[in-house]
Amino acid sequence: MELLQAFKKHTAKKVIEAIENNPQESRKEWLLWMFERAGKKQGNVSKYQFWQHHNKPIELWSESVVKQKIDYIHNNPVENGFVTNPVEWKYSSARNYQDDSTILEIDDAGFFG
């Protein structure tokens, strides 16, 4: 658990710094406000809450479970009303499974052919 805690602390700090220091980020104020608002809901957060406190690790014990979790992740932008199709989300790896690697490159670890 110590490794996960260190990872979350480091990545949260780096993401917040990247947002704060990027003059081209048009959503900067909104993003920081959302992280600050989330932090105020927690008693032990000094300023921003980037990661959720709870962890629910899921063992990826078969190819079907891996596919199920990837589908779940790909459908998050759809479920939240941002897009109507997972491949429409610019930074989704769903695009890669449609042979579009223009934004992200992924390693599917041999699970998908």
PDB file of N, CA and C in Angstrom:
ATOM      1  N   MET A   1       0.820  -1.195   0.000  1.00  0.00           N
ATOM      2  CA  MET A   1       0.000   0.000   0.000  1.00  0.00           C
ATOM      3  C   MET A   1       0.865   1.260   0.000  1.00  0.00           C
ATOM      4  N   GLU A   2       2.044   1.155   0.571  1.00  0.00           N
ATOM      5  CA  GLU A   2       2.947   2.301   0.625  1.00  0.00           C
ATOM      6  C   GLU A   2       3.354   2.747  -0.783  1.00  0.00           C
ATOM      7  N   LEU A   3       3.567   1.804  -1.677  1.00  0.00           N
ATOM      8  CA  LEU A   3       3.932   2.118  -3.056  1.00  0.00           C
ATOM      9  C   LEU A   3       2.799   2.869  -3.757  1.00  0.00           C
ATOM     10  N   LEU A   4       1.581   2.400  -3.585  1.00  0.00           N
ATOM     11  CA  LEU A   4       0.432   3.060  -4.201  1.00  0.00           C
ATOM     12  C   LEU A   4       0.261   4.475  -3.658  1.00  0.00           C
ATOM     13  N   GLN A   5       0.436   4.644  -2.374  1.00  0.00           N
ATOM     14  CA  GLN A   5       0.328   5.967  -1.754  1.00  0.00           C
ATOM     15  C   GLN A   5       1.384   6.918  -2.327  1.00  0.00           C
ATOM     16  N   ALA A   6       2.601   6.446  -2.470  1.00  0.00           N
ATOM     17  CA  ALA A   6       3.674   7.278  -3.026  1.00  0.00           C
ATOM     18  C   ALA A   6       3.388   7.625  -4.485  1.00  0.00           C
ATOM     19  N   PHE A   7       2.895   6.655  -5.228  1.00  0.00           N
ATOM     20  CA  PHE A   7       2.546   6.898  -6.632  1.00  0.00           C
ATOM     21  C   PHE A   7       1.466   7.974  -6.743  1.00  0.00           C
ATOM     22  N   LYS A   8       0.423   7.846  -5.933  1.00  0.00           N
ATOM     23  CA  LYS A   8      -0.676   8.812  -5.987  1.00  0.00           C
ATOM     24  C   LYS A   8      -0.210  10.212  -5.589  1.00  0.00           C
ATOM     25  N   LYS A   9       0.627  10.291  -4.572  1.00  0.00           N
ATOM     26  CA  LYS A   9       1.127  11.591  -4.124  1.00  0.00           C
ATOM     27  C   LYS A   9       1.967  12.248  -5.217  1.00  0.00           C
ATOM     28  N   HIS A  10       2.876  11.477  -5.800  1.00  0.00           N
ATOM     29  CA  HIS A  10       3.770  12.019  -6.831  1.00  0.00           C
ATOM     30  C   HIS A  10       2.985  12.453  -8.070  1.00  0.00           C
ATOM     31  N   THR A  11       2.116  11.586  -8.564  1.00  0.00           N
ATOM     32  CA  THR A  11       1.390  11.916  -9.794  1.00  0.00           C
ATOM     33  C   THR A  11       0.420  13.066  -9.584  1.00  0.00           C
ATOM     34  N   ALA A  12      -0.219  13.132  -8.431  1.00  0.00           N
ATOM     35  CA  ALA A  12      -1.132  14.249  -8.159  1.00  0.00           C
ATOM     36  C   ALA A  12      -0.374  15.567  -8.181  1.00  0.00           C
ATOM     37  N   LYS A  13       0.780  15.581  -7.531  1.00  0.00           N
ATOM     38  CA  LYS A  13       1.594  16.800  -7.494  1.00  0.00           C
ATOM     39  C   LYS A  13       2.002  17.227  -8.900  1.00  0.00           C
ATOM     40  N   LYS A  14       2.441  16.276  -9.709  1.00  0.00           N
ATOM     41  CA  LYS A  14       2.897  16.587 -11.068  1.00  0.00           C
ATOM     42  C   LYS A  14       1.746  17.055 -11.960  1.00  0.00           C
ATOM     43  N   VAL A  15       0.594  16.439 -11.839  1.00  0.00           N
ATOM     44  CA  VAL A  15      -0.556  16.847 -12.659  1.00  0.00           C
ATOM     45  C   VAL A  15      -1.012  18.250 -12.277  1.00  0.00           C
ATOM     46  N   ILE A  16      -1.103  18.524 -10.981  1.00  0.00           N
ATOM     47  CA  ILE A  16      -1.513  19.861 -10.520  1.00  0.00           C
ATOM     48  C   ILE A  16      -0.509  20.908 -10.998  1.00  0.00           C
ATOM     49  N   GLU A  17       0.784  20.615 -10.865  1.00  0.00           N
ATOM     50  CA  GLU A  17       1.816  21.554 -11.342  1.00  0.00           C
ATOM     51  C   GLU A  17       1.690  21.794 -12.842  1.00  0.00           C
ATOM     52  N   ALA A  18       1.444  20.739 -13.592  1.00  0.00           N
ATOM     53  CA  ALA A  18       1.309  20.879 -15.048  1.00  0.00           C
ATOM     54  C   ALA A  18       0.114  21.755 -15.402  1.00  0.00           C
ATOM     55  N   ILE A  19      -0.965  21.600 -14.683  1.00  0.00           N
ATOM     56  CA  ILE A  19      -2.151  22.431 -14.931  1.00  0.00           C
ATOM     57  C   ILE A  19      -1.864  23.878 -14.561  1.00  0.00           C
ATOM     58  N   GLU A  20      -1.284  24.081 -13.377  1.00  0.00           N
ATOM     59  CA  GLU A  20      -1.006  25.442 -12.906  1.00  0.00           C
ATOM     60  C   GLU A  20      -0.033  26.183 -13.821  1.00  0.00           C
ATOM     61  N   ASN A  21       0.931  25.469 -14.381  1.00  0.00           N
ATOM     62  CA  ASN A  21       1.997  26.101 -15.159  1.00  0.00           C
ATOM     63  C   ASN A  21       1.761  26.114 -16.666  1.00  0.00           C
ATOM     64  N   ASN A  22       0.586  25.707 -17.090  1.00  0.00           N
ATOM     65  CA  ASN A  22       0.297  25.673 -18.521  1.00  0.00           C
ATOM     66  C   ASN A  22      -0.611  26.844 -18.897  1.00  0.00           C
ATOM     67  N   PRO A  23      -0.051  27.897 -19.491  1.00  0.00           N
ATOM     68  CA  PRO A  23      -0.862  29.061 -19.839  1.00  0.00           C
ATOM     69  C   PRO A  23      -1.880  28.775 -20.941  1.00  0.00           C
ATOM     70  N   GLN A  24      -1.711  27.678 -21.661  1.00  0.00           N
ATOM     71  CA  GLN A  24      -2.647  27.343 -22.733  1.00  0.00           C
ATOM     72  C   GLN A  24      -3.807  26.479 -22.260  1.00  0.00           C
ATOM     73  N   GLU A  25      -3.804  26.069 -21.000  1.00  0.00           N
ATOM     74  CA  GLU A  25      -4.879  25.226 -20.480  1.00  0.00           C
ATOM     75  C   GLU A  25      -6.103  26.087 -20.215  1.00  0.00           C
ATOM     76  N   SER A  26      -7.067  26.004 -21.107  1.00  0.00           N
ATOM     77  CA  SER A  26      -8.259  26.850 -21.012  1.00  0.00           C
ATOM     78  C   SER A  26      -9.151  26.479 -19.833  1.00  0.00           C
ATOM     79  N   ARG A  27      -9.017  25.266 -19.309  1.00  0.00           N
ATOM     80  CA  ARG A  27      -9.862  24.815 -18.189  1.00  0.00           C
ATOM     81  C   ARG A  27      -9.158  24.926 -16.846  1.00  0.00           C
ATOM     82  N   LYS A  28      -8.022  25.610 -16.806  1.00  0.00           N
ATOM     83  CA  LYS A  28      -7.188  25.665 -15.609  1.00  0.00           C
ATOM     84  C   LYS A  28      -7.981  26.035 -14.359  1.00  0.00           C
ATOM     85  N   GLU A  29      -8.677  27.153 -14.388  1.00  0.00           N
ATOM     86  CA  GLU A  29      -9.410  27.610 -13.199  1.00  0.00           C
ATOM     87  C   GLU A  29     -10.476  26.609 -12.791  1.00  0.00           C
ATOM     88  N   TRP A  30     -11.188  26.068 -13.760  1.00  0.00           N
ATOM     89  CA  TRP A  30     -12.244  25.107 -13.458  1.00  0.00           C
ATOM     90  C   TRP A  30     -11.664  23.829 -12.854  1.00  0.00           C
ATOM     91  N   LEU A  31     -10.588  23.298 -13.459  1.00  0.00           N
ATOM     92  CA  LEU A  31      -9.972  22.082 -12.942  1.00  0.00           C
ATOM     93  C   LEU A  31      -9.474  22.268 -11.515  1.00  0.00           C
ATOM     94  N   LEU A  32      -8.757  23.356 -11.270  1.00  0.00           N
ATOM     95  CA  LEU A  32      -8.234  23.607  -9.923  1.00  0.00           C
ATOM     96  C   LEU A  32      -9.367  23.808  -8.931  1.00  0.00           C
ATOM     97  N   TRP A  33     -10.438  24.464  -9.357  1.00  0.00           N
ATOM     98  CA  TRP A  33     -11.605  24.644  -8.487  1.00  0.00           C
ATOM     99  C   TRP A  33     -12.219  23.294  -8.129  1.00  0.00           C
ATOM    100  N   MET A  34     -12.321  22.393  -9.117  1.00  0.00           N
ATOM    101  CA  MET A  34     -12.889  21.061  -8.860  1.00  0.00           C
ATOM    102  C   MET A  34     -12.014  20.278  -7.879  1.00  0.00           C
ATOM    103  N   PHE A  35     -10.689  20.316  -8.066  1.00  0.00           N
ATOM    104  CA  PHE A  35      -9.786  19.605  -7.158  1.00  0.00           C
ATOM    105  C   PHE A  35      -9.818  20.218  -5.758  1.00  0.00           C
ATOM    106  N   GLU A  36      -9.925  21.539  -5.686  1.00  0.00           N
ATOM    107  CA  GLU A  36      -9.997  22.214  -4.392  1.00  0.00           C
ATOM    108  C   GLU A  36     -11.304  21.874  -3.691  1.00  0.00           C
ATOM    109  N   ARG A  37     -12.387  21.878  -4.441  1.00  0.00           N
ATOM    110  CA  ARG A  37     -13.703  21.529  -3.889  1.00  0.00           C
ATOM    111  C   ARG A  37     -13.696  20.107  -3.331  1.00  0.00           C
ATOM    112  N   ALA A  38     -13.100  19.187  -4.073  1.00  0.00           N
ATOM    113  CA  ALA A  38     -12.993  17.802  -3.604  1.00  0.00           C
ATOM    114  C   ALA A  38     -12.138  17.729  -2.343  1.00  0.00           C
ATOM    115  N   GLY A  39     -11.075  18.535  -2.281  1.00  0.00           N
ATOM    116  CA  GLY A  39     -10.206  18.552  -1.111  1.00  0.00           C
ATOM    117  C   GLY A  39     -10.900  19.055   0.138  1.00  0.00           C
ATOM    118  N   LYS A  40     -11.809  20.016  -0.025  1.00  0.00           N
ATOM    119  CA  LYS A  40     -12.531  20.564   1.128  1.00  0.00           C
ATOM    120  C   LYS A  40     -13.474  19.543   1.743  1.00  0.00           C
ATOM    121  N   LYS A  41     -13.868  18.550   0.966  1.00  0.00           N
ATOM    122  CA  LYS A  41     -14.754  17.498   1.475  1.00  0.00           C
ATOM    123  C   LYS A  41     -14.003  16.504   2.355  1.00  0.00           C
ATOM    124  N   GLN A  42     -12.672  16.514   2.266  1.00  0.00           N
ATOM    125  CA  GLN A  42     -11.838  15.607   3.044  1.00  0.00           C
ATOM    126  C   GLN A  42     -11.189  16.372   4.194  1.00  0.00           C
ATOM    127  N   GLY A  43     -11.139  15.783   5.342  1.00  0.00           N
ATOM    128  CA  GLY A  43     -10.562  16.456   6.493  1.00  0.00           C
ATOM    129  C   GLY A  43      -9.048  16.514   6.495  1.00  0.00           C
ATOM    130  N   ASN A  44      -8.412  15.618   5.769  1.00  0.00           N
ATOM    131  CA  ASN A  44      -6.950  15.527   5.829  1.00  0.00           C
ATOM    132  C   ASN A  44      -6.257  16.048   4.566  1.00  0.00           C
ATOM    133  N   VAL A  45      -6.942  16.835   3.757  1.00  0.00           N
ATOM    134  CA  VAL A  45      -6.367  17.367   2.518  1.00  0.00           C
ATOM    135  C   VAL A  45      -6.080  18.840   2.704  1.00  0.00           C
ATOM    136  N   SER A  46      -4.835  19.245   2.408  1.00  0.00           N
ATOM    137  CA  SER A  46      -4.454  20.637   2.637  1.00  0.00           C
ATOM    138  C   SER A  46      -4.989  21.570   1.557  1.00  0.00           C
ATOM    139  N   LYS A  47      -5.007  21.136   0.293  1.00  0.00           N
ATOM    140  CA  LYS A  47      -5.485  22.031  -0.754  1.00  0.00           C
ATOM    141  C   LYS A  47      -6.297  21.308  -1.820  1.00  0.00           C
ATOM    142  N   TYR A  48      -5.666  20.441  -2.583  1.00  0.00           N
ATOM    143  CA  TYR A  48      -6.341  19.788  -3.699  1.00  0.00           C
ATOM    144  C   TYR A  48      -6.497  18.289  -3.465  1.00  0.00           C
ATOM    145  N   GLN A  49      -7.608  17.749  -3.900  1.00  0.00           N
ATOM    146  CA  GLN A  49      -7.844  16.305  -3.881  1.00  0.00           C
ATOM    147  C   GLN A  49      -7.874  15.838  -5.329  1.00  0.00           C
ATOM    148  N   PHE A  50      -6.839  15.125  -5.749  1.00  0.00           N
ATOM    149  CA  PHE A  50      -6.770  14.641  -7.126  1.00  0.00           C
ATOM    150  C   PHE A  50      -7.242  13.197  -7.216  1.00  0.00           C
ATOM    151  N   TRP A  51      -6.716  12.335  -6.360  1.00  0.00           N
ATOM    152  CA  TRP A  51      -7.091  10.923  -6.348  1.00  0.00           C
ATOM    153  C   TRP A  51      -8.175  10.671  -5.309  1.00  0.00           C
ATOM    154  N   GLN A  52      -9.004   9.680  -5.534  1.00  0.00           N
ATOM    155  CA  GLN A  52      -9.957   9.251  -4.520  1.00  0.00           C
ATOM    156  C   GLN A  52      -9.185   8.536  -3.415  1.00  0.00           C
ATOM    157  N   HIS A  53      -9.710   8.596  -2.190  1.00  0.00           N
ATOM    158  CA  HIS A  53      -9.009   7.979  -1.062  1.00  0.00           C
ATOM    159  C   HIS A  53      -9.107   6.461  -1.056  1.00  0.00           C
ATOM    160  N   HIS A  54     -10.229   5.951  -1.477  1.00  0.00           N
ATOM    161  CA  HIS A  54     -10.394   4.499  -1.400  1.00  0.00           C
ATOM    162  C   HIS A  54      -9.721   3.809  -2.583  1.00  0.00           C
ATOM    163  N   ASN A  55      -9.348   2.591  -2.362  1.00  0.00           N
ATOM    164  CA  ASN A  55      -8.756   1.763  -3.410  1.00  0.00           C
ATOM    165  C   ASN A  55      -9.540   0.465  -3.465  1.00  0.00           C
ATOM    166  N   LYS A  56      -9.921   0.090  -4.642  1.00  0.00           N
ATOM    167  CA  LYS A  56     -10.644  -1.164  -4.814  1.00  0.00           C
ATOM    168  C   LYS A  56      -9.934  -1.986  -5.886  1.00  0.00           C
ATOM    169  N   PRO A  57      -8.793  -2.569  -5.530  1.00  0.00           N
ATOM    170  CA  PRO A  57      -8.056  -3.333  -6.535  1.00  0.00           C
ATOM    171  C   PRO A  57      -8.861  -4.537  -7.012  1.00  0.00           C
ATOM    172  N   ILE A  58      -8.777  -4.797  -8.292  1.00  0.00           N
ATOM    173  CA  ILE A  58      -9.485  -5.916  -8.894  1.00  0.00           C
ATOM    174  C   ILE A  58      -8.454  -6.796  -9.586  1.00  0.00           C
ATOM    175  N   GLU A  59      -8.468  -8.065  -9.244  1.00  0.00           N
ATOM    176  CA  GLU A  59      -7.537  -8.993  -9.871  1.00  0.00           C
ATOM    177  C   GLU A  59      -7.953  -9.226 -11.320  1.00  0.00           C
ATOM    178  N   LEU A  60      -7.027  -9.006 -12.214  1.00  0.00           N
ATOM    179  CA  LEU A  60      -7.279  -9.221 -13.641  1.00  0.00           C
ATOM    180  C   LEU A  60      -6.810 -10.627 -13.987  1.00  0.00           C
ATOM    181  N   TRP A  61      -7.630 -11.603 -13.671  1.00  0.00           N
ATOM    182  CA  TRP A  61      -7.225 -12.992 -13.717  1.00  0.00           C
ATOM    183  C   TRP A  61      -7.510 -13.688 -15.044  1.00  0.00           C
ATOM    184  N   SER A  62      -8.213 -13.039 -15.958  1.00  0.00           N
ATOM    185  CA  SER A  62      -8.479 -13.666 -17.254  1.00  0.00           C
ATOM    186  C   SER A  62      -8.612 -12.594 -18.328  1.00  0.00           C
ATOM    187  N   GLU A  63      -8.502 -13.021 -19.572  1.00  0.00           N
ATOM    188  CA  GLU A  63      -8.645 -12.088 -20.685  1.00  0.00           C
ATOM    189  C   GLU A  63     -10.028 -11.442 -20.685  1.00  0.00           C
ATOM    190  N   SER A  64     -11.051 -12.207 -20.320  1.00  0.00           N
ATOM    191  CA  SER A  64     -12.408 -11.634 -20.323  1.00  0.00           C
ATOM    192  C   SER A  64     -12.563 -10.555 -19.252  1.00  0.00           C
ATOM    193  N   VAL A  65     -11.908 -10.724 -18.102  1.00  0.00           N
ATOM    194  CA  VAL A  65     -11.969  -9.699 -17.054  1.00  0.00           C
ATOM    195  C   VAL A  65     -11.213  -8.452 -17.506  1.00  0.00           C
ATOM    196  N   VAL A  66     -10.071  -8.633 -18.141  1.00  0.00           N
ATOM    197  CA  VAL A  66      -9.309  -7.488 -18.664  1.00  0.00           C
ATOM    198  C   VAL A  66     -10.157  -6.728 -19.674  1.00  0.00           C
ATOM    199  N   LYS A  67     -10.779  -7.431 -20.601  1.00  0.00           N
ATOM    200  CA  LYS A  67     -11.630  -6.785 -21.610  1.00  0.00           C
ATOM    201  C   LYS A  67     -12.797  -6.049 -20.957  1.00  0.00           C
ATOM    202  N   GLN A  68     -13.401  -6.672 -19.945  1.00  0.00           N
ATOM    203  CA  GLN A  68     -14.519  -6.038 -19.239  1.00  0.00           C
ATOM    204  C   GLN A  68     -14.086  -4.721 -18.603  1.00  0.00           C
ATOM    205  N   LYS A  69     -12.936  -4.692 -17.961  1.00  0.00           N
ATOM    206  CA  LYS A  69     -12.458  -3.477 -17.292  1.00  0.00           C
ATOM    207  C   LYS A  69     -12.063  -2.403 -18.305  1.00  0.00           C
ATOM    208  N   ILE A  70     -11.462  -2.814 -19.416  1.00  0.00           N
ATOM    209  CA  ILE A  70     -11.121  -1.844 -20.459  1.00  0.00           C
ATOM    210  C   ILE A  70     -12.394  -1.242 -21.049  1.00  0.00           C
ATOM    211  N   ASP A  71     -13.401  -2.077 -21.291  1.00  0.00           N
ATOM    212  CA  ASP A  71     -14.684  -1.557 -21.790  1.00  0.00           C
ATOM    213  C   ASP A  71     -15.295  -0.573 -20.799  1.00  0.00           C
ATOM    214  N   TYR A  72     -15.204  -0.892 -19.509  1.00  0.00           N
ATOM    215  CA  TYR A  72     -15.729   0.005 -18.476  1.00  0.00           C
ATOM    216  C   TYR A  72     -15.031   1.367 -18.546  1.00  0.00           C
ATOM    217  N   ILE A  73     -13.714   1.353 -18.646  1.00  0.00           N
ATOM    218  CA  ILE A  73     -12.942   2.602 -18.723  1.00  0.00           C
ATOM    219  C   ILE A  73     -13.297   3.371 -19.990  1.00  0.00           C
ATOM    220  N   HIS A  74     -13.380   2.660 -21.104  1.00  0.00           N
ATOM    221  CA  HIS A  74     -13.715   3.324 -22.366  1.00  0.00           C
ATOM    222  C   HIS A  74     -15.101   3.955 -22.330  1.00  0.00           C
ATOM    223  N   ASN A  75     -16.019   3.367 -21.588  1.00  0.00           N
ATOM    224  CA  ASN A  75     -17.390   3.880 -21.558  1.00  0.00           C
ATOM    225  C   ASN A  75     -17.619   4.983 -20.531  1.00  0.00           C
ATOM    226  N   ASN A  76     -16.639   5.283 -19.689  1.00  0.00           N
ATOM    227  CA  ASN A  76     -16.815   6.363 -18.706  1.00  0.00           C
ATOM    228  C   ASN A  76     -17.198   7.697 -19.341  1.00  0.00           C
ATOM    229  N   PRO A  77     -16.535   8.166 -20.401  1.00  0.00           N
ATOM    230  CA  PRO A  77     -16.938   9.447 -21.010  1.00  0.00           C
ATOM    231  C   PRO A  77     -18.356   9.403 -21.587  1.00  0.00           C
ATOM    232  N   VAL A  78     -18.779   8.232 -22.056  1.00  0.00           N
ATOM    233  CA  VAL A  78     -20.143   8.075 -22.573  1.00  0.00           C
ATOM    234  C   VAL A  78     -21.135   8.158 -21.418  1.00  0.00           C
ATOM    235  N   GLU A  79     -20.862   7.421 -20.348  1.00  0.00           N
ATOM    236  CA  GLU A  79     -21.756   7.405 -19.184  1.00  0.00           C
ATOM    237  C   GLU A  79     -21.897   8.785 -18.552  1.00  0.00           C
ATOM    238  N   ASN A  80     -20.857   9.596 -18.653  1.00  0.00           N
ATOM    239  CA  ASN A  80     -20.898  10.939 -18.077  1.00  0.00           C
ATOM    240  C   ASN A  80     -21.400  11.992 -19.058  1.00  0.00           C
ATOM    241  N   GLY A  81     -21.815  11.565 -20.237  1.00  0.00           N
ATOM    242  CA  GLY A  81     -22.442  12.461 -21.195  1.00  0.00           C
ATOM    243  C   GLY A  81     -21.503  13.352 -21.986  1.00  0.00           C
ATOM    244  N   PHE A  82     -20.218  13.050 -21.969  1.00  0.00           N
ATOM    245  CA  PHE A  82     -19.263  13.876 -22.707  1.00  0.00           C
ATOM    246  C   PHE A  82     -19.252  13.549 -24.200  1.00  0.00           C
ATOM    247  N   VAL A  83     -19.480  12.287 -24.531  1.00  0.00           N
ATOM    248  CA  VAL A  83     -19.506  11.828 -25.918  1.00  0.00           C
ATOM    249  C   VAL A  83     -20.597  10.771 -26.049  1.00  0.00           C
ATOM    250  N   THR A  84     -20.924  10.418 -27.278  1.00  0.00           N
ATOM    251  CA  THR A  84     -21.926   9.367 -27.482  1.00  0.00           C
ATOM    252  C   THR A  84     -21.295   8.026 -27.839  1.00  0.00           C
ATOM    253  N   ASN A  85     -20.004   8.049 -28.170  1.00  0.00           N
ATOM    254  CA  ASN A  85     -19.288   6.841 -28.538  1.00  0.00           C
ATOM    255  C   ASN A  85     -17.881   6.922 -27.933  1.00  0.00           C
ATOM    256  N   PRO A  86     -17.384   5.849 -27.326  1.00  0.00           N
ATOM    257  CA  PRO A  86     -16.067   5.904 -26.678  1.00  0.00           C
ATOM    258  C   PRO A  86     -14.938   6.412 -27.575  1.00  0.00           C
ATOM    259  N   VAL A  87     -14.975   6.117 -28.867  1.00  0.00           N
ATOM    260  CA  VAL A  87     -13.885   6.547 -29.750  1.00  0.00           C
ATOM    261  C   VAL A  87     -13.897   8.051 -29.997  1.00  0.00           C
ATOM    262  N   GLU A  88     -14.976   8.729 -29.619  1.00  0.00           N
ATOM    263  CA  GLU A  88     -15.049  10.180 -29.768  1.00  0.00           C
ATOM    264  C   GLU A  88     -14.243  10.909 -28.695  1.00  0.00           C
ATOM    265  N   TRP A  89     -13.920  10.230 -27.590  1.00  0.00           N
ATOM    266  CA  TRP A  89     -13.145  10.843 -26.510  1.00  0.00           C
ATOM    267  C   TRP A  89     -11.688  10.892 -26.949  1.00  0.00           C
ATOM    268  N   LYS A  90     -11.158  12.087 -27.117  1.00  0.00           N
ATOM    269  CA  LYS A  90      -9.856  12.299 -27.751  1.00  0.00           C
ATOM    270  C   LYS A  90      -8.730  11.466 -27.140  1.00  0.00           C
ATOM    271  N   TYR A  91      -8.680  11.375 -25.828  1.00  0.00           N
ATOM    272  CA  TYR A  91      -7.558  10.708 -25.169  1.00  0.00           C
ATOM    273  C   TYR A  91      -7.886   9.289 -24.719  1.00  0.00           C
ATOM    274  N   SER A  92      -8.875   8.677 -25.327  1.00  0.00           N
ATOM    275  CA  SER A  92      -9.250   7.317 -24.965  1.00  0.00           C
ATOM    276  C   SER A  92      -8.492   6.305 -25.807  1.00  0.00           C
ATOM    277  N   SER A  93      -8.067   5.236 -25.160  1.00  0.00           N
ATOM    278  CA  SER A  93      -7.426   4.161 -25.917  1.00  0.00           C
ATOM    279  C   SER A  93      -8.443   3.405 -26.763  1.00  0.00           C
ATOM    280  N   ALA A  94      -9.727   3.691 -26.595  1.00  0.00           N
ATOM    281  CA  ALA A  94     -10.746   3.077 -27.458  1.00  0.00           C
ATOM    282  C   ALA A  94     -10.432   3.370 -28.916  1.00  0.00           C
ATOM    283  N   ARG A  95      -9.860   4.525 -29.154  1.00  0.00           N
ATOM    284  CA  ARG A  95      -9.479   4.905 -30.522  1.00  0.00           C
ATOM    285  C   ARG A  95      -8.438   3.936 -31.084  1.00  0.00           C
ATOM    286  N   ASN A  96      -7.533   3.483 -30.230  1.00  0.00           N
ATOM    287  CA  ASN A  96      -6.485   2.568 -30.678  1.00  0.00           C
ATOM    288  C   ASN A  96      -7.068   1.240 -31.150  1.00  0.00           C
ATOM    289  N   TYR A  97      -8.141   0.810 -30.511  1.00  0.00           N
ATOM    290  CA  TYR A  97      -8.762  -0.453 -30.898  1.00  0.00           C
ATOM    291  C   TYR A  97      -9.573  -0.296 -32.178  1.00  0.00           C
ATOM    292  N   GLN A  98      -9.647   0.924 -32.692  1.00  0.00           N
ATOM    293  CA  GLN A  98     -10.233   1.208 -34.004  1.00  0.00           C
ATOM    294  C   GLN A  98      -9.119   1.588 -34.986  1.00  0.00           C
ATOM    295  N   ASP A  99      -7.898   1.168 -34.665  1.00  0.00           N
ATOM    296  CA  ASP A  99      -6.705   1.427 -35.493  1.00  0.00           C
ATOM    297  C   ASP A  99      -6.381   2.906 -35.643  1.00  0.00           C
ATOM    298  N   ASP A 100      -6.604   3.685 -34.585  1.00  0.00           N
ATOM    299  CA  ASP A 100      -6.253   5.110 -34.591  1.00  0.00           C
ATOM    300  C   ASP A 100      -5.266   5.361 -33.455  1.00  0.00           C
ATOM    301  N   SER A 101      -3.994   5.459 -33.779  1.00  0.00           N
ATOM    302  CA  SER A 101      -2.953   5.702 -32.780  1.00  0.00           C
ATOM    303  C   SER A 101      -2.397   7.110 -32.889  1.00  0.00           C
ATOM    304  N   THR A 102      -3.199   8.032 -33.395  1.00  0.00           N
ATOM    305  CA  THR A 102      -2.699   9.386 -33.632  1.00  0.00           C
ATOM    306  C   THR A 102      -2.467  10.165 -32.351  1.00  0.00           C
ATOM    307  N   ILE A 103      -3.196   9.869 -31.294  1.00  0.00           N
ATOM    308  CA  ILE A 103      -3.050  10.602 -30.029  1.00  0.00           C
ATOM    309  C   ILE A 103      -2.221   9.801 -29.034  1.00  0.00           C
ATOM    310  N   LEU A 104      -2.590   8.560 -28.816  1.00  0.00           N
ATOM    311  CA  LEU A 104      -1.925   7.713 -27.830  1.00  0.00           C
ATOM    312  C   LEU A 104      -1.378   6.462 -28.490  1.00  0.00           C
ATOM    313  N   GLU A 105      -0.257   6.003 -27.981  1.00  0.00           N
ATOM    314  CA  GLU A 105       0.236   4.683 -28.348  1.00  0.00           C
ATOM    315  C   GLU A 105       0.027   3.786 -27.145  1.00  0.00           C
ATOM    316  N   ILE A 106      -0.464   2.592 -27.375  1.00  0.00           N
ATOM    317  CA  ILE A 106      -0.689   1.673 -26.263  1.00  0.00           C
ATOM    318  C   ILE A 106      -0.006   0.344 -26.535  1.00  0.00           C
ATOM    319  N   ASP A 107       0.214  -0.389 -25.465  1.00  0.00           N
ATOM    320  CA  ASP A 107       0.707  -1.755 -25.543  1.00  0.00           C
ATOM    321  C   ASP A 107      -0.389  -2.612 -24.942  1.00  0.00           C
ATOM    322  N   ASP A 108      -1.068  -3.373 -25.768  1.00  0.00           N
ATOM    323  CA  ASP A 108      -2.188  -4.164 -25.261  1.00  0.00           C
ATOM    324  C   ASP A 108      -1.739  -5.484 -24.640  1.00  0.00           C
ATOM    325  N   ALA A 109      -0.445  -5.660 -24.468  1.00  0.00           N
ATOM    326  CA  ALA A 109       0.134  -6.831 -23.798  1.00  0.00           C
ATOM    327  C   ALA A 109      -0.310  -8.137 -24.447  1.00  0.00           C
ATOM    328  N   GLY A 110      -0.677  -8.085 -25.722  1.00  0.00           N
ATOM    329  CA  GLY A 110      -1.060  -9.294 -26.432  1.00  0.00           C
ATOM    330  C   GLY A 110      -2.463  -9.786 -26.157  1.00  0.00           C
ATOM    331  N   PHE A 111      -3.256  -9.038 -25.377  1.00  0.00           N
ATOM    332  CA  PHE A 111      -4.602  -9.482 -25.042  1.00  0.00           C
ATOM    333  C   PHE A 111      -5.560  -9.446 -26.225  1.00  0.00           C
ATOM    334  N   PHE A 112      -5.290  -8.599 -27.199  1.00  0.00           N
ATOM    335  CA  PHE A 112      -6.284  -8.371 -28.241  1.00  0.00           C
ATOM    336  C   PHE A 112      -5.773  -8.706 -29.629  1.00  0.00           C
ATOM    337  N   GLY A 113      -5.006  -9.763 -29.715  1.00  0.00           N
ATOM    338  CA  GLY A 113      -4.599 -10.206 -31.039  1.00  0.00           C
ATOM    339  C   GLY A 113      -3.223  -9.963 -31.296  1.00  0.00           C
TER     340      GLY A 113
END
